[in-house]
C-alpha atoms as a PDB file:
ATOM      1  CA  MET A   1      -2.500  -4.686  -5.648  1.00  0.00           C
ATOM      2  CA  GLU A   2      -5.187  -2.610  -3.975  1.00  0.00           C
ATOM      3  CA  ILE A   3      -5.282  -2.844  -0.192  1.00  0.00           C
ATOM      4  CA  ARG A   4      -8.642  -4.303   0.794  1.00  0.00           C
ATOM      5  CA  ALA A   5     -10.348  -5.101   4.074  1.00  0.00           C
ATOM      6  CA  SER A   6      -8.923  -8.636   4.012  1.00  0.00           C
ATOM      7  CA  THR A   7      -5.349  -7.676   3.016  1.00  0.00           C
ATOM      8  CA  VAL A   8      -2.604  -9.060   5.252  1.00  0.00           C
ATOM      9  CA  LEU A   9       0.841  -7.648   4.453  1.00  0.00           C
ATOM     10  CA  PRO A  10       4.146  -9.322   5.403  1.00  0.00           C
ATOM     11  CA  ALA A  11       5.413  -8.918   8.964  1.00  0.00           C
ATOM     12  CA  ARG A  12       7.235 -10.826  11.668  1.00  0.00           C
ATOM     13  CA  ARG A  13       4.355 -12.110  13.772  1.00  0.00           C
ATOM     14  CA  GLU A  14       4.664 -14.000  17.035  1.00  0.00           C
ATOM     15  CA  ASN A  15       2.234 -15.133  19.677  1.00  0.00           C
ATOM     16  CA  ILE A  16       3.084 -13.636  23.044  1.00  0.00           C
ATOM     17  CA  GLU A  17       1.913 -13.937  26.642  1.00  0.00           C
ATOM     18  CA  LEU A  18       1.668 -11.067  29.097  1.00  0.00           C
ATOM     19  CA  HIS A  19       1.951 -11.635  32.829  1.00  0.00           C
ATOM     20  CA  THR A  20       0.097  -9.383  35.235  1.00  0.00           C
ATOM     21  CA  ALA A  21       1.103  -8.369  38.741  1.00  0.00           C
ATOM     22  CA  ASP A  22      -1.845 -10.364  40.131  1.00  0.00           C
ATOM     23  CA  GLY A  23      -0.658 -13.574  38.491  1.00  0.00           C
ATOM     24  CA  LEU A  24      -2.729 -13.793  35.303  1.00  0.00           C
ATOM     25  CA  THR A  25      -1.516 -14.821  31.862  1.00  0.00           C
ATOM     26  CA  LEU A  26      -2.941 -12.783  28.985  1.00  0.00           C
ATOM     27  CA  VAL A  27      -2.691 -13.905  25.359  1.00  0.00           C
ATOM     28  CA  GLY A  28      -1.574 -11.638  22.546  1.00  0.00           C
ATOM     29  CA  GLU A  29       0.352 -11.137  19.333  1.00  0.00           C
ATOM     30  CA  LEU A  30       3.251  -8.926  18.366  1.00  0.00           C
ATOM     31  CA  ALA A  31       3.719  -7.914  14.718  1.00  0.00           C
ATOM     32  CA  ARG A  32       6.923  -6.176  13.613  1.00  0.00           C
ATOM     33  CA  PRO A  33       8.308  -5.017  10.263  1.00  0.00           C
ATOM     34  CA  LEU A  34       9.732  -7.896   8.266  1.00  0.00           C
ATOM     35  CA  GLU A  35      13.268  -6.692   7.571  1.00  0.00           C
ATOM     36  CA  LYS A  36      13.914  -3.670   9.754  1.00  0.00           C
ATOM     37  CA  ASP A  37      13.455  -2.414  13.282  1.00  0.00           C
ATOM     38  CA  PRO A  38      10.221  -0.584  14.066  1.00  0.00           C
ATOM     39  CA  VAL A  39      10.361   3.183  14.492  1.00  0.00           C
ATOM     40  CA  ALA A  40       7.446   3.242  16.967  1.00  0.00           C
ATOM     41  CA  THR A  41       4.966   0.910  18.649  1.00  0.00           C
ATOM     42  CA  LEU A  42       1.214   0.677  19.037  1.00  0.00           C
ATOM     43  CA  ILE A  43      -0.112  -1.002  22.181  1.00  0.00           C
ATOM     44  CA  CYS A  44      -3.726  -1.805  21.301  1.00  0.00           C
ATOM     45  CA  LEU A  45      -6.459  -1.632  23.943  1.00  0.00           C
ATOM     46  CA  HIS A  46      -9.618  -3.205  22.571  1.00  0.00           C
ATOM     47  CA  PRO A  47     -13.328  -2.335  22.947  1.00  0.00           C
ATOM     48  CA  LEU A  48     -15.623  -3.675  25.662  1.00  0.00           C
ATOM     49  CA  PRO A  49     -15.306  -7.477  25.909  1.00  0.00           C
ATOM     50  CA  THR A  50     -18.860  -7.832  27.222  1.00  0.00           C
ATOM     51  CA  HIS A  51     -20.011  -6.406  23.863  1.00  0.00           C
ATOM     52  CA  GLY A  52     -17.702  -8.449  21.641  1.00  0.00           C
ATOM     53  CA  GLY A  53     -14.519  -6.390  21.930  1.00  0.00           C
ATOM     54  CA  MET A  54     -11.213  -8.285  21.696  1.00  0.00           C
ATOM     55  CA  MET A  55      -7.738  -8.064  20.195  1.00  0.00           C
ATOM     56  CA  ASP A  56      -9.214  -9.033  16.786  1.00  0.00           C
ATOM     57  CA  SER A  57     -11.701  -6.137  16.722  1.00  0.00           C
ATOM     58  CA  HIS A  58     -11.449  -5.075  13.107  1.00  0.00           C
ATOM     59  CA  VAL A  59      -9.579  -1.744  13.273  1.00  0.00           C
ATOM     60  CA  LEU A  60      -6.927  -3.213  15.583  1.00  0.00           C
ATOM     61  CA  ARG A  61      -6.575  -6.336  13.441  1.00  0.00           C
ATOM     62  CA  LYS A  62      -6.179  -4.216  10.294  1.00  0.00           C
ATOM     63  CA  ALA A  63      -3.584  -2.050  12.026  1.00  0.00           C
ATOM     64  CA  SER A  64      -1.620  -5.220  12.744  1.00  0.00           C
ATOM     65  CA  ASN A  65      -2.172  -6.544   9.212  1.00  0.00           C
ATOM     66  CA  ARG A  66      -0.924  -3.385   7.500  1.00  0.00           C
ATOM     67  CA  LEU A  67       1.123  -0.992   9.605  1.00  0.00           C
ATOM     68  CA  PRO A  68       4.290  -3.047  10.163  1.00  0.00           C
ATOM     69  CA  ALA A  69       4.714  -3.160   6.374  1.00  0.00           C
ATOM     70  CA  LEU A  70       3.349   0.271   5.441  1.00  0.00           C
ATOM     71  CA  ALA A  71       4.602   2.411   8.330  1.00  0.00           C
ATOM     72  CA  ASP A  72       7.440   0.510  10.050  1.00  0.00           C
ATOM     73  CA  LEU A  73       5.407   0.141  13.244  1.00  0.00           C
ATOM     74  CA  ALA A  74       5.320  -2.643  15.796  1.00  0.00           C
ATOM     75  CA  VAL A  75       1.750  -3.555  16.762  1.00  0.00           C
ATOM     76  CA  LEU A  76       1.116  -5.295  20.059  1.00  0.00           C
ATOM     77  CA  ARG A  77      -2.421  -6.642  20.539  1.00  0.00           C
ATOM     78  CA  PHE A  78      -3.726  -8.668  23.468  1.00  0.00           C
ATOM     79  CA  ASN A  79      -6.916  -9.804  25.169  1.00  0.00           C
ATOM     80  CA  THR A  80      -7.616  -8.175  28.500  1.00  0.00           C
ATOM     81  CA  ARG A  81      -8.516 -10.432  31.429  1.00  0.00           C
ATOM     82  CA  GLY A  82     -11.314 -12.879  30.693  1.00  0.00           C
ATOM     83  CA  THR A  83     -11.456 -11.973  26.981  1.00  0.00           C
ATOM     84  CA  THR A  84     -11.505 -14.542  24.152  1.00  0.00           C
ATOM     85  CA  SER A  85     -10.460 -14.328  20.502  1.00  0.00           C
ATOM     86  CA  GLU A  86      -9.044 -16.699  17.912  1.00  0.00           C
ATOM     87  CA  ARG A  87      -5.686 -16.407  19.698  1.00  0.00           C
ATOM     88  CA  GLY A  88      -7.218 -17.841  22.878  1.00  0.00           C
ATOM     89  CA  THR A  89      -8.639 -16.702  26.197  1.00  0.00           C
ATOM     90  CA  SER A  90      -6.819 -14.553  28.728  1.00  0.00           C
ATOM     91  CA  GLU A  91      -7.018 -15.727  32.314  1.00  0.00           C
ATOM     92  CA  GLY A  92      -9.181 -13.962  34.854  1.00  0.00           C
ATOM     93  CA  ALA A  93     -12.545 -12.265  34.482  1.00  0.00           C
ATOM     94  CA  PHE A  94     -13.760  -8.879  33.262  1.00  0.00           C
ATOM     95  CA  GLU A  95     -13.379  -6.276  36.047  1.00  0.00           C
ATOM     96  CA  ASN A  96     -15.151  -3.287  34.496  1.00  0.00           C
ATOM     97  CA  GLY A  97     -11.936  -1.378  33.822  1.00  0.00           C
ATOM     98  CA  GLU A  98     -10.481  -1.568  37.339  1.00  0.00           C
ATOM     99  CA  GLY A  99      -8.465  -4.813  37.476  1.00  0.00           C
ATOM    100  CA  GLU A 100      -7.552  -4.113  33.847  1.00  0.00           C
ATOM    101  CA  ARG A 101      -5.142  -1.521  35.215  1.00  0.00           C
ATOM    102  CA  LEU A 102      -2.731  -4.420  35.686  1.00  0.00           C
ATOM    103  CA  ASP A 103      -3.331  -5.603  32.101  1.00  0.00           C
ATOM    104  CA  VAL A 104      -2.287  -2.209  30.733  1.00  0.00           C
ATOM    105  CA  ALA A 105       0.817  -2.255  32.941  1.00  0.00           C
ATOM    106  CA  ALA A 106       1.692  -5.759  31.707  1.00  0.00           C
ATOM    107  CA  ALA A 107       1.401  -4.640  28.073  1.00  0.00           C
ATOM    108  CA  VAL A 108       3.661  -1.631  28.653  1.00  0.00           C
ATOM    109  CA  GLU A 109       6.166  -3.882  30.447  1.00  0.00           C
ATOM    110  CA  CYS A 110       6.053  -6.327  27.529  1.00  0.00           C
ATOM    111  CA  ALA A 111       6.839  -3.558  25.050  1.00  0.00           C
ATOM    112  CA  ASP A 112       9.726  -2.480  27.254  1.00  0.00           C
ATOM    113  CA  PHE A 113      10.973  -6.083  27.572  1.00  0.00           C
ATOM    114  CA  HIS A 114      11.009  -6.465  23.773  1.00  0.00           C
ATOM    115  CA  ASP A 115      12.881  -3.136  23.408  1.00  0.00           C
ATOM    116  CA  LEU A 116      10.025  -1.770  21.302  1.00  0.00           C
ATOM    117  CA  PRO A 117      10.590   1.926  20.599  1.00  0.00           C
ATOM    118  CA  ARG A 118       8.266   4.841  21.376  1.00  0.00           C
ATOM    119  CA  PRO A 119       5.165   3.008  22.615  1.00  0.00           C
ATOM    120  CA  TRP A 120       1.855   4.707  21.910  1.00  0.00           C
ATOM    121  CA  LEU A 121      -1.411   3.520  23.411  1.00  0.00           C
ATOM    122  CA  LEU A 122      -4.107   2.925  20.811  1.00  0.00           C
ATOM    123  CA  GLY A 123      -7.420   2.631  22.639  1.00  0.00           C
ATOM    124  CA  TRP A 124     -10.806   2.016  21.077  1.00  0.00           C
ATOM    125  CA  SER A 125     -14.024   2.713  23.039  1.00  0.00           C
ATOM    126  CA  PHE A 126     -13.537   0.833  26.372  1.00  0.00           C
ATOM    127  CA  GLY A 127      -9.839   0.761  25.503  1.00  0.00           C
ATOM    128  CA  THR A 128      -9.753   4.579  25.560  1.00  0.00           C
ATOM    129  CA  GLU A 129     -10.954   4.479  29.159  1.00  0.00           C
ATOM    130  CA  LEU A 130      -8.104   2.131  30.044  1.00  0.00           C
ATOM    131  CA  ALA A 131      -5.607   4.402  28.292  1.00  0.00           C
ATOM    132  CA  LEU A 132      -6.801   7.550  30.061  1.00  0.00           C
ATOM    133  CA  LYS A 133      -7.140   5.970  33.503  1.00  0.00           C
ATOM    134  CA  TRP A 134      -4.169   3.620  33.597  1.00  0.00           C
ATOM    135  CA  GLY A 135      -1.834   4.522  30.730  1.00  0.00           C
ATOM    136  CA  ARG A 136       0.175   7.314  32.327  1.00  0.00           C
ATOM    137  CA  ASP A 137       3.425   5.365  32.444  1.00  0.00           C
ATOM    138  CA  PRO A 138       6.712   7.230  31.897  1.00  0.00           C
ATOM    139  CA  VAL A 139       7.552   4.781  29.093  1.00  0.00           C
ATOM    140  CA  VAL A 140       4.446   5.816  27.113  1.00  0.00           C
ATOM    141  CA  THR A 141       5.009   8.362  24.331  1.00  0.00           C
ATOM    142  CA  GLY A 142       1.348   9.340  23.875  1.00  0.00           C
ATOM    143  CA  ALA A 143      -2.128   8.006  23.212  1.00  0.00           C
ATOM    144  CA  ILE A 144      -4.601   7.850  20.343  1.00  0.00           C
ATOM    145  CA  LEU A 145      -8.238   7.360  21.264  1.00  0.00           C
ATOM    146  CA  LEU A 146     -10.833   5.945  18.868  1.00  0.00           C
ATOM    147  CA  SER A 147     -14.474   6.686  19.786  1.00  0.00           C
ATOM    148  CA  PRO A 148     -13.821   7.710  23.407  1.00  0.00           C
ATOM    149  CA  PRO A 149     -17.045   7.430  25.469  1.00  0.00           C
ATOM    150  CA  LEU A 150     -15.585   9.321  28.482  1.00  0.00           C
ATOM    151  CA  ARG A 151     -17.784   7.333  30.847  1.00  0.00           C
ATOM    152  CA  ARG A 152     -15.398   5.437  33.109  1.00  0.00           C
ATOM    153  CA  ALA A 153     -12.711   8.046  32.447  1.00  0.00           C
ATOM    154  CA  THR A 154     -13.582  11.187  34.406  1.00  0.00           C
ATOM    155  CA  ASP A 155     -12.541  14.835  34.352  1.00  0.00           C
ATOM    156  CA  GLU A 156     -10.026  13.891  37.052  1.00  0.00           C
ATOM    157  CA  ASP A 157      -8.454  11.403  34.645  1.00  0.00           C
ATOM    158  CA  LEU A 158      -8.317  14.093  31.955  1.00  0.00           C
ATOM    159  CA  ASP A 159      -6.682  16.500  34.408  1.00  0.00           C
ATOM    160  CA  ALA A 160      -4.139  13.816  35.294  1.00  0.00           C
ATOM    161  CA  TRP A 161      -3.358  13.317  31.590  1.00  0.00           C
ATOM    162  CA  ALA A 162      -2.964  17.081  31.202  1.00  0.00           C
ATOM    163  CA  ALA A 163      -0.367  16.991  33.983  1.00  0.00           C
ATOM    164  CA  PHE A 164       1.246  13.906  32.387  1.00  0.00           C
ATOM    165  CA  GLY A 165       1.961  16.152  29.397  1.00  0.00           C
ATOM    166  CA  ARG A 166       2.103  13.494  26.687  1.00  0.00           C
ATOM    167  CA  PRO A 167       0.320  13.940  23.333  1.00  0.00           C
ATOM    168  CA  LEU A 168      -3.303  12.866  23.135  1.00  0.00           C
ATOM    169  CA  THR A 169      -5.409  12.570  19.977  1.00  0.00           C
ATOM    170  CA  ALA A 170      -9.100  11.652  19.981  1.00  0.00           C
ATOM    171  CA  LEU A 171     -10.714  10.489  16.735  1.00  0.00           C
ATOM    172  CA  VAL A 172     -14.425  11.088  17.228  1.00  0.00           C
ATOM    173  CA  PRO A 173     -17.089   9.848  14.782  1.00  0.00           C
ATOM    174  CA  GLU A 174     -19.689  12.364  13.630  1.00  0.00           C
ATOM    175  CA  PHE A 175     -22.459   9.911  14.525  1.00  0.00           C
ATOM    176  CA  ASP A 176     -20.941   8.310  17.624  1.00  0.00           C
ATOM    177  CA  ASP A 177     -23.355   6.618  20.032  1.00  0.00           C
ATOM    178  CA  TYR A 178     -21.749   8.110  23.152  1.00  0.00           C
ATOM    179  CA  LEU A 179     -19.668  11.213  22.498  1.00  0.00           C
ATOM    180  CA  ARG A 180     -19.793  13.338  19.343  1.00  0.00           C
ATOM    181  CA  PRO A 181     -17.189  15.857  18.123  1.00  0.00           C
ATOM    182  CA  GLU A 182     -18.684  19.044  19.580  1.00  0.00           C
ATOM    183  CA  GLU A 183     -19.089  17.597  23.057  1.00  0.00           C
ATOM    184  CA  ALA A 184     -15.710  15.853  22.821  1.00  0.00           C
ATOM    185  CA  THR A 185     -14.022  19.154  21.983  1.00  0.00           C
ATOM    186  CA  ALA A 186     -15.552  20.689  25.107  1.00  0.00           C
ATOM    187  CA  ARG A 187     -14.602  17.763  27.363  1.00  0.00           C
ATOM    188  CA  PHE A 188     -11.019  17.511  26.120  1.00  0.00           C
ATOM    189  CA  LYS A 189     -10.363  21.237  26.651  1.00  0.00           C
ATOM    190  CA  ARG A 190      -9.130  20.184  30.079  1.00  0.00           C
ATOM    191  CA  VAL A 191      -6.093  18.684  28.329  1.00  0.00           C
ATOM    192  CA  PRO A 192      -4.119  21.504  26.650  1.00  0.00           C
ATOM    193  CA  GLN A 193      -2.111  19.082  24.501  1.00  0.00           C
ATOM    194  CA  ALA A 194      -5.185  17.140  23.336  1.00  0.00           C
ATOM    195  CA  GLU A 195      -6.348  17.215  19.735  1.00  0.00           C
ATOM    196  CA  VAL A 196      -9.894  16.236  18.783  1.00  0.00           C
ATOM    197  CA  VAL A 197     -10.431  15.108  15.186  1.00  0.00           C
ATOM    198  CA  GLY A 198     -14.044  14.788  14.118  1.00  0.00           C
ATOM    199  CA  VAL A 199     -14.566  12.232  11.354  1.00  0.00           C
ATOM    200  CA  GLU A 200     -17.440  13.071   9.045  1.00  0.00           C
ATOM    201  CA  GLY A 201     -19.943  10.284   8.427  1.00  0.00           C
ATOM    202  CA  ALA A 202     -18.272   7.823  10.798  1.00  0.00           C
ATOM    203  CA  LYS A 203     -19.980   5.807  13.546  1.00  0.00           C
ATOM    204  CA  HIS A 204     -18.698   4.317  16.797  1.00  0.00           C
ATOM    205  CA  LEU A 205     -17.587   1.030  15.245  1.00  0.00           C
ATOM    206  CA  TRP A 206     -15.775   2.518  12.210  1.00  0.00           C
ATOM    207  CA  VAL A 207     -17.482   0.087   9.845  1.00  0.00           C
ATOM    208  CA  GLY A 208     -16.381   0.363   6.213  1.00  0.00           C
ATOM    209  CA  GLU A 209     -12.964   0.404   4.583  1.00  0.00           C
ATOM    210  CA  PRO A 210     -13.010   4.213   3.941  1.00  0.00           C
ATOM    211  CA  TYR A 211     -13.241   4.864   7.694  1.00  0.00           C
ATOM    212  CA  VAL A 212     -10.576   2.291   8.531  1.00  0.00           C
ATOM    213  CA  ARG A 213      -8.227   4.059   6.119  1.00  0.00           C
ATOM    214  CA  ILE A 214      -8.943   7.422   7.752  1.00  0.00           C
ATOM    215  CA  VAL A 215      -8.219   5.974  11.195  1.00  0.00           C
ATOM    216  CA  LEU A 216      -4.965   4.275  10.170  1.00  0.00           C
ATOM    217  CA  ASP A 217      -3.837   7.411   8.313  1.00  0.00           C
ATOM    218  CA  GLU A 218      -4.485   9.609  11.349  1.00  0.00           C
ATOM    219  CA  ILE A 219      -2.601   7.166  13.590  1.00  0.00           C
ATOM    220  CA  VAL A 220       0.431   7.091  11.297  1.00  0.00           C
ATOM    221  CA  LYS A 221       0.374  10.874  10.873  1.00  0.00           C
ATOM    222  CA  ARG A 222       1.113  11.172  14.596  1.00  0.00           C
ATOM    223  CA  VAL A 223       3.220   8.102  15.305  1.00  0.00           C
ATOM    224  CA  ASN A 224       5.426   8.045  12.181  1.00  0.00           C
ATOM    225  CA  PRO A 225       4.724  11.159  10.080  1.00  0.00           C
ATOM    226  CA  ALA A 226       7.338  10.123   7.486  1.00  0.00           C
ATOM    227  CA  ALA A 227       5.041   7.256   6.397  1.00  0.00           C
ATOM    228  CA  HIS A 228       1.978   9.497   5.972  1.00  0.00           C
ATOM    229  CA  PRO A 229      -0.161   9.335   3.906  1.00  0.00           C
ATOM    230  CA  LEU A 230      -0.477   5.575   3.671  1.00  0.00           C
ATOM    231  CA  PRO A 231      -0.624   4.052   0.193  1.00  0.00           C
ATOM    232  CA  THR A 232      -3.843   2.418  -0.992  1.00  0.00           C
ATOM    233  CA  GLU A 233      -1.932  -0.045  -3.177  1.00  0.00           C
ATOM    234  CA  VAL A 234       1.158  -2.194  -2.702  1.00  0.00           C
END
Protein backbone atom coordinates (compact mmCIF):
# COMPACT_ATOMS: atom_id res chain seq x y z
CA MET A 1 0.00 0.00 0.00
CA GLU A 2 1.39 3.38 -0.98
CA ILE A 3 1.56 5.93 1.83
CA ARG A 4 -0.68 8.84 0.89
CA ALA A 5 -1.57 12.15 2.49
CA SER A 6 -4.53 10.55 4.28
CA THR A 7 -2.70 7.40 5.48
CA VAL A 8 -2.98 6.67 9.20
CA LEU A 9 -0.74 3.81 10.34
CA PRO A 10 -1.27 1.77 13.53
CA ALA A 11 -0.13 3.26 16.84
CA ARG A 12 -1.12 3.43 20.48
CA ARG A 13 -2.93 6.76 20.61
CA GLU A 14 -4.28 8.42 23.74
CA ASN A 15 -5.76 11.79 24.51
CA ILE A 16 -3.72 13.62 27.12
CA GLU A 17 -3.94 16.82 29.14
CA LEU A 18 -1.01 19.04 30.03
CA HIS A 19 -1.05 21.22 33.12
CA THR A 20 0.82 24.51 33.15
CA ALA A 21 2.47 26.24 36.09
CA ASP A 22 -0.12 29.04 35.85
CA GLY A 23 -3.02 26.61 36.24
CA LEU A 24 -4.18 25.99 32.67
CA THR A 25 -5.19 22.67 31.14
CA LEU A 26 -3.98 22.11 27.58
CA VAL A 27 -5.38 19.36 25.36
CA GLY A 28 -3.21 17.00 23.34
CA GLU A 29 -2.54 13.53 22.01
CA LEU A 30 0.29 11.07 22.47
CA ALA A 31 0.98 8.46 19.78
CA ARG A 32 3.43 5.62 20.46
CA PRO A 33 4.56 2.55 18.51
CA LEU A 34 2.01 -0.23 18.69
CA GLU A 35 4.09 -3.12 20.02
CA LYS A 36 7.40 -1.71 21.21
CA ASP A 37 8.85 1.15 23.20
CA PRO A 38 9.75 4.31 21.30
CA VAL A 39 13.42 5.03 20.68
CA ALA A 40 12.91 8.82 20.70
CA THR A 41 10.17 11.42 21.06
CA LEU A 42 8.91 14.40 19.10
CA ILE A 43 7.28 17.22 21.08
CA CYS A 44 5.38 19.18 18.42
CA LEU A 45 5.06 22.96 18.65
CA HIS A 46 2.50 24.14 16.12
CA PRO A 47 2.30 27.25 13.89
CA LEU A 48 0.67 30.54 14.85
CA PRO A 49 -2.83 29.92 16.26
CA THR A 50 -4.04 33.35 15.15
CA HIS A 51 -3.39 32.18 11.57
CA GLY A 52 -4.92 28.71 11.89
CA GLY A 53 -2.01 26.86 13.50
CA MET A 54 -2.89 24.00 15.88
CA MET A 55 -1.85 20.49 16.84
CA ASP A 56 -3.57 19.17 13.67
CA SER A 57 -1.54 21.38 11.31
CA HIS A 58 -0.86 18.95 8.50
CA VAL A 59 2.87 18.17 8.86
CA LEU A 60 2.49 17.54 12.60
CA ARG A 61 -0.62 15.41 12.08
CA LYS A 62 1.16 13.34 9.42
CA ALA A 63 4.16 12.89 11.71
CA SER A 64 1.79 11.46 14.31
CA ASN A 65 -0.02 9.34 11.71
CA ARG A 66 3.15 7.74 10.35
CA LEU A 67 6.25 7.98 12.52
CA PRO A 68 5.27 5.72 15.44
CA ALA A 69 4.86 2.89 12.92
CA LEU A 70 7.63 3.77 10.46
CA ALA A 71 10.35 5.07 12.79
CA ASP A 72 9.54 3.85 16.32
CA LEU A 73 8.96 7.41 17.54
CA ALA A 74 6.57 8.76 20.13
CA VAL A 75 4.79 11.89 18.90
CA LEU A 76 3.32 14.29 21.43
CA ARG A 77 1.07 17.01 19.98
CA PHE A 78 -0.90 19.62 21.89
CA ASN A 79 -2.71 22.93 21.50
CA THR A 80 -0.99 25.88 23.10
CA ARG A 81 -3.07 28.16 25.33
CA GLY A 82 -6.29 29.38 23.73
CA THR A 83 -5.88 27.15 20.65
CA THR A 84 -8.65 24.94 19.22
CA SER A 85 -8.55 21.79 17.10
CA GLU A 86 -10.69 18.69 16.70
CA ARG A 87 -9.25 17.44 20.00
CA GLY A 88 -10.70 20.47 21.81
CA THR A 89 -9.66 23.88 23.08
CA SER A 90 -6.81 24.53 25.49
CA GLU A 91 -7.58 26.88 28.34
CA GLY A 92 -6.24 30.41 28.42
CA ALA A 93 -5.64 32.88 25.61
CA PHE A 94 -2.90 33.45 23.04
CA GLU A 95 0.00 35.40 24.63
CA ASN A 96 2.16 36.10 21.58
CA GLY A 97 4.82 33.57 22.53
CA GLU A 98 5.45 34.80 26.08
CA GLY A 99 2.96 32.94 28.31
CA GLU A 100 3.48 29.97 25.99
CA ARG A 101 6.79 29.48 27.78
CA LEU A 102 4.78 27.60 30.40
CA ASP A 103 3.08 25.49 27.70
CA VAL A 104 6.46 24.31 26.40
CA ALA A 105 7.56 23.49 29.96
CA ALA A 106 4.34 21.52 30.53
CA ALA A 107 4.91 19.49 27.36
CA VAL A 108 8.49 18.65 28.36
CA GLU A 109 7.27 17.67 31.84
CA CYS A 110 4.58 15.46 30.27
CA ALA A 111 7.17 13.64 28.17
CA ASP A 112 9.27 13.14 31.28
CA PHE A 113 6.24 11.91 33.26
CA HIS A 114 5.46 9.31 30.57
CA ASP A 115 9.12 8.18 30.55
CA LEU A 116 9.37 9.08 26.86
CA PRO A 117 12.97 8.73 25.68
CA ARG A 118 15.16 11.37 24.04
CA PRO A 119 12.66 14.21 23.55
CA TRP A 120 13.25 16.42 20.53
CA LEU A 121 11.35 19.64 19.96
CA LEU A 122 9.72 19.81 16.54
CA GLY A 123 8.69 23.42 15.94
CA TRP A 124 6.96 24.78 12.87
CA SER A 125 6.92 28.55 12.15
CA PHE A 126 5.64 30.13 15.43
CA GLY A 127 6.54 26.82 17.08
CA THR A 128 10.20 27.35 16.14
CA GLU A 129 10.16 30.60 18.09
CA LEU A 130 8.84 28.76 21.14
CA ALA A 131 11.53 26.09 20.75
CA LEU A 132 14.37 28.59 20.47
CA LYS A 133 13.16 30.89 23.25
CA TRP A 134 11.78 28.43 25.78
CA GLY A 135 13.00 24.95 24.84
CA ARG A 136 16.41 24.93 26.50
CA ASP A 137 15.50 22.34 29.12
CA PRO A 138 18.16 19.83 30.22
CA VAL A 139 15.76 17.00 29.33
CA VAL A 140 15.63 18.12 25.67
CA THR A 141 17.90 16.23 23.27
CA GLY A 142 17.73 18.76 20.41
CA ALA A 143 15.39 20.69 18.15
CA ILE A 144 14.21 20.58 14.55
CA LEU A 145 12.80 23.79 13.13
CA LEU A 146 10.44 23.91 10.14
CA SER A 147 10.20 27.30 8.39
CA PRO A 148 11.77 29.36 11.19
CA PRO A 149 10.81 33.06 10.81
CA LEU A 150 13.36 34.26 13.43
CA ARG A 151 11.10 37.15 14.37
CA ARG A 152 10.23 36.62 18.03
CA ALA A 153 13.41 34.59 18.48
CA THR A 154 16.37 36.98 18.54
CA ASP A 155 20.13 36.71 18.14
CA GLU A 156 20.26 36.51 21.95
CA ASP A 157 18.07 33.40 21.81
CA LEU A 158 20.37 31.91 19.17
CA ASP A 159 23.41 32.68 21.33
CA ALA A 160 21.68 31.01 24.28
CA TRP A 161 21.02 27.91 22.15
CA ALA A 162 24.67 27.91 21.08
CA ALA A 163 25.64 27.83 24.76
CA PHE A 164 22.99 25.14 25.41
CA GLY A 165 25.00 22.96 23.02
CA ARG A 166 22.21 20.67 21.83
CA PRO A 167 21.75 19.82 18.13
CA LEU A 168 19.67 22.20 16.05
CA THR A 169 18.43 21.61 12.50
CA ALA A 170 16.50 24.19 10.48
CA LEU A 171 14.56 23.06 7.40
CA VAL A 172 14.12 26.20 5.32
CA PRO A 173 11.91 26.36 2.21
CA GLU A 174 13.42 27.87 -0.92
CA PHE A 175 10.39 30.14 -1.29
CA ASP A 176 9.65 30.85 2.37
CA ASP A 177 7.62 33.98 3.13
CA TYR A 178 9.84 35.08 6.02
CA LEU A 179 13.32 33.57 5.97
CA ARG A 180 14.96 31.87 2.98
CA PRO A 181 17.96 29.52 2.99
CA GLU A 182 20.73 32.04 2.28
CA GLU A 183 19.62 34.43 5.00
CA ALA A 184 18.91 31.54 7.38
CA THR A 185 22.44 30.22 6.90
CA ALA A 186 23.81 33.64 7.85
CA ARG A 187 21.55 34.01 10.90
CA PHE A 188 22.20 30.52 12.25
CA LYS A 189 25.99 30.93 12.04
CA ARG A 190 25.73 32.14 15.62
CA VAL A 191 24.98 28.53 16.60
CA PRO A 192 28.04 26.38 15.80
CA GLN A 193 26.07 23.13 16.10
CA ALA A 194 23.21 24.33 13.88
CA GLU A 195 22.55 22.81 10.47
CA VAL A 196 20.49 24.65 7.86
CA VAL A 197 18.87 22.49 5.17
CA GLY A 198 17.41 24.40 2.25
CA VAL A 199 14.52 22.58 0.58
CA GLU A 200 14.23 23.28 -3.13
CA GLY A 201 10.79 24.31 -4.37
CA ALA A 202 9.20 24.30 -0.91
CA LYS A 203 7.09 27.08 0.62
CA HIS A 204 6.41 28.08 4.22
CA LEU A 205 3.42 25.76 4.65
CA TRP A 206 5.02 22.63 3.11
CA VAL A 207 1.96 21.97 0.97
CA GLY A 208 2.13 18.79 -1.12
CA GLU A 209 2.97 15.20 -0.24
CA PRO A 210 6.51 15.36 -1.78
CA TYR A 211 7.48 18.11 0.68
CA VAL A 212 5.89 16.34 3.64
CA ARG A 213 7.98 13.27 2.82
CA ILE A 214 11.16 15.36 2.67
CA VAL A 215 10.37 16.90 6.06
CA LEU A 216 9.57 13.59 7.76
CA ASP A 217 12.68 11.98 6.23
CA GLU A 218 14.92 14.79 7.48
CA ILE A 219 13.38 14.54 10.96
CA VAL A 220 13.93 10.78 11.15
CA LYS A 221 17.47 11.08 9.77
CA ARG A 222 18.37 13.05 12.90
CA VAL A 223 16.14 11.53 15.55
CA ASN A 224 16.37 7.83 14.61
CA PRO A 225 18.90 7.40 11.78
CA ALA A 226 18.38 3.61 11.74
CA ALA A 227 14.87 4.17 10.30
CA HIS A 228 16.07 6.46 7.50
CA PRO A 229 15.07 6.64 4.70
CA LEU A 230 11.38 6.17 5.35
CA PRO A 231 9.50 3.76 3.10
CA THR A 232 6.89 5.10 0.69
CA GLU A 233 4.85 1.89 0.92
CA VAL A 234 3.75 -0.38 3.75
